[in-house]
Amino acid sequence: MSAATTVVVLIAAPPGLRGHLTRWFIEVAPGVFVGSPNTRIRDGLWKVLAERIHDGQAVMIEPARTEQGWTVRTAGQDRWTPTDFDGLTLMSRPRGSAGQPWTTANQVKKNGMIT
C-alpha cells in the first residue's frame, strides 16, 4: 500500500453510497473501497459519508504524519472508536446493549454452559 492510499469500509450503508464512492475508489470486496484521492476529495467524501450513513457504519483509513503513517475516522451506529494510546491509534469496541460491556467467549452462561 502506498503512502497515499485510502481505504473506506461501509457496513449496512444506505443505497447510493457505494455507487457514490466508485467515482474515486475501486470496490475490492463488498463495502471495501481503495483509492488515492487528494485531501480535499477525502474531506468532501467524509462529509457525505458521515451525513448519509444513518444506521450503518463507515470507516476511513487515510495517510497521516503519525508513527503509524495513517489515521482513522468512523461514523454511524455501534461503531468502533479510534483511541489514542501513547501516540498509537487503537480501536475501542462499542459496548453491548444498555451500556453493558461485551462478554468474553469463555464466560459461563446462566444455564451453566461454557461458550
Protein backbone atom coordinates (compact mmCIF):
# COMPACT_ATOMS: atom_id res chain seq x y z
CA MET A 1 0.00 0.00 0.00
CA SER A 2 1.49 3.34 -0.99
CA ALA A 3 1.74 6.29 1.36
CA ALA A 4 -1.27 8.00 -0.30
CA THR A 5 -3.65 5.02 -0.28
CA THR A 6 -7.02 5.49 1.40
CA VAL A 7 -9.33 2.65 2.47
CA VAL A 8 -13.07 3.07 3.16
CA VAL A 9 -15.24 0.33 4.68
CA LEU A 10 -19.04 0.60 4.64
CA ILE A 11 -21.31 -1.67 6.68
CA ALA A 12 -25.09 -1.64 6.16
CA ALA A 13 -24.80 1.50 4.06
CA PRO A 14 -27.89 3.10 2.52
CA PRO A 15 -28.37 2.65 -1.24
CA GLY A 16 -26.31 5.03 -3.32
CA LEU A 17 -23.31 5.48 -1.01
CA ARG A 18 -21.39 2.59 -2.55
CA GLY A 19 -22.04 3.99 -6.02
CA HIS A 20 -21.00 7.46 -4.88
CA LEU A 21 -17.62 6.12 -3.70
CA THR A 22 -16.90 4.35 -7.01
CA ARG A 23 -16.20 7.75 -8.57
CA TRP A 24 -12.87 7.89 -6.69
CA PHE A 25 -12.28 4.35 -5.36
CA ILE A 26 -12.22 0.77 -6.56
CA GLU A 27 -14.51 -1.62 -4.65
CA VAL A 28 -12.20 -4.58 -3.94
CA ALA A 29 -14.77 -6.50 -1.88
CA PRO A 30 -18.38 -5.74 -0.93
CA GLY A 31 -18.25 -2.47 1.03
CA VAL A 32 -14.42 -2.16 0.92
CA PHE A 33 -13.03 0.66 -1.23
CA VAL A 34 -9.39 1.51 -2.04
CA GLY A 35 -8.09 4.62 -3.79
CA SER A 36 -5.75 7.60 -3.69
CA PRO A 37 -7.90 10.75 -3.64
CA ASN A 38 -6.33 14.02 -2.51
CA THR A 39 -7.10 15.61 0.87
CA ARG A 40 -9.82 17.89 -0.49
CA ILE A 41 -11.69 14.97 -2.08
CA ARG A 42 -11.29 12.80 1.06
CA ASP A 43 -12.67 15.56 3.29
CA GLY A 44 -15.63 16.12 0.97
CA LEU A 45 -16.34 12.39 0.75
CA TRP A 46 -16.16 12.03 4.53
CA LYS A 47 -18.69 14.82 4.97
CA VAL A 48 -21.11 13.00 2.63
CA LEU A 49 -20.48 9.61 4.30
CA ALA A 50 -20.95 10.94 7.83
CA GLU A 51 -24.22 12.66 6.88
CA ARG A 52 -25.70 9.77 4.90
CA ILE A 53 -24.57 6.62 6.78
CA HIS A 54 -27.54 6.78 9.24
CA ASP A 55 -27.89 3.30 10.87
CA GLY A 56 -24.85 1.84 9.09
CA GLN A 57 -21.16 2.23 9.77
CA ALA A 58 -18.35 3.94 7.86
CA VAL A 59 -14.60 3.74 8.47
CA MET A 60 -11.98 5.72 6.55
CA ILE A 61 -8.28 4.95 6.92
CA GLU A 62 -6.15 7.68 5.39
CA PRO A 63 -2.49 8.69 5.26
CA ALA A 64 -1.22 10.93 8.09
CA ARG A 65 2.04 12.08 9.60
CA THR A 66 1.91 9.79 12.62
CA GLU A 67 4.08 6.95 13.89
CA GLN A 68 1.74 4.51 12.17
CA GLY A 69 1.57 6.53 8.96
CA TRP A 70 -2.23 6.65 8.96
CA THR A 71 -5.27 7.89 10.84
CA VAL A 72 -8.84 6.66 11.01
CA ARG A 73 -12.31 8.26 11.00
CA THR A 74 -15.52 6.48 11.97
CA ALA A 75 -19.21 7.37 11.66
CA GLY A 76 -22.54 5.66 12.19
CA GLN A 77 -24.21 3.47 14.79
CA ASP A 78 -22.43 0.95 17.08
CA ARG A 79 -19.06 1.80 15.61
CA TRP A 80 -15.59 1.12 16.90
CA THR A 81 -13.95 4.34 18.09
CA PRO A 82 -10.34 5.38 17.45
CA THR A 83 -8.49 5.88 20.74
CA ASP A 84 -5.04 7.36 21.21
CA PHE A 85 -2.80 5.16 23.36
CA ASP A 86 0.64 6.73 23.87
CA GLY A 87 0.72 8.00 20.30
CA LEU A 88 -0.71 4.84 18.70
CA THR A 89 -4.24 4.62 17.39
CA LEU A 90 -6.14 1.67 18.81
CA MET A 91 -9.80 0.86 18.22
CA SER A 92 -12.26 0.68 21.14
CA ARG A 93 -15.18 -1.69 20.74
CA PRO A 94 -18.68 -0.38 21.34
CA ARG A 95 -20.40 -1.59 24.49
CA GLY A 96 -23.32 -4.01 24.26
CA SER A 97 -26.94 -3.01 24.73
CA ALA A 98 -27.84 -0.82 27.73
CA GLY A 99 -24.20 0.15 28.24
CA GLN A 100 -23.13 -3.34 29.32
CA PRO A 101 -19.61 -4.40 28.38
CA TRP A 102 -19.06 -7.14 25.84
CA THR A 103 -18.87 -10.61 27.35
CA THR A 104 -15.85 -12.77 26.66
CA ALA A 105 -16.21 -16.07 24.84
CA ASN A 106 -15.26 -18.15 27.88
CA GLN A 107 -17.77 -16.72 30.37
CA VAL A 108 -20.35 -19.09 31.84
CA LYS A 109 -23.95 -18.58 30.71
CA LYS A 110 -26.88 -18.62 33.15
CA ASN A 111 -27.62 -22.26 32.34
CA GLY A 112 -24.09 -23.31 33.32
CA MET A 113 -22.88 -23.92 29.78
CA ILE A 114 -19.47 -22.60 28.80
CA THR A 115 -19.30 -20.91 25.44
